[in-house]
Protein backbone atom coordinates (compact mmCIF):
# COMPACT_ATOMS: atom_id res chain seq x y z
CA MET A 1 38.78 71.34 203.65
CA HIS A 2 38.83 71.80 207.21
CA PRO A 3 35.97 74.15 208.38
CA ALA A 4 38.79 76.51 210.23
CA GLU A 5 40.78 76.63 206.83
CA LEU A 6 37.57 77.49 204.83
CA SER A 7 36.63 80.28 207.26
CA ASP A 8 40.30 81.91 207.02
CA GLY A 9 40.29 81.60 203.18
CA LEU A 10 36.82 83.42 203.07
CA ARG A 11 38.16 86.03 205.72
CA GLN A 12 41.11 86.38 203.05
CA LEU A 13 38.69 87.16 200.28
CA ASP A 14 36.50 89.75 202.22
CA ALA A 15 39.38 92.84 201.89
CA ASP A 16 37.17 95.30 203.80
CA GLY A 17 35.96 93.11 206.61
CA GLY A 18 32.66 93.89 206.04
CA GLY A 19 31.51 90.03 206.70
CA ARG A 20 30.43 89.46 202.94
CA ILE A 21 32.41 89.02 199.72
CA SER A 22 31.36 91.85 197.11
CA GLU A 23 31.76 91.01 193.59
CA ALA A 24 34.66 93.50 193.42
CA GLU A 25 36.71 91.15 196.38
CA PHE A 26 35.79 88.38 194.40
CA VAL A 27 37.25 89.53 191.07
CA ALA A 28 40.37 91.30 192.89
CA ALA A 29 41.04 87.79 194.64
CA PHE A 30 40.87 85.92 191.52
CA ALA A 31 43.19 88.62 189.54
CA ASP A 32 45.68 88.52 192.44
CA LEU A 33 45.45 84.43 192.71
CA PHE A 34 46.51 84.23 188.77
CA THR A 35 48.90 87.06 189.05
CA ALA A 36 50.63 86.84 192.58
CA ARG A 37 54.05 85.17 192.68
CA ALA A 38 53.56 84.68 196.64
CA ASP A 39 51.29 81.89 198.28
CA THR A 40 49.71 84.85 200.75
CA ALA A 41 47.57 86.18 197.80
CA ALA A 42 43.97 85.96 198.71
CA GLY A 43 42.34 82.79 197.19
CA VAL A 44 45.44 80.55 197.43
CA ALA A 45 44.18 79.05 200.93
CA LEU A 46 40.82 78.09 199.12
CA LEU A 47 41.93 77.15 195.68
CA GLY A 48 45.81 76.68 196.04
CA ARG A 49 48.12 77.74 193.33
CA PRO A 50 46.90 78.00 189.51
């Protein structure tokens, strides 16, 4: 994975823009990843579609 893609994916996980991924943001991103129907869900850029 290119560093720019990694940075973009991590920015998507940081929902509040605080510069850190909290446990709540991490859990929410994984829940969205496995329940979302669109490729725009946070986490898809990093992990791909389940």
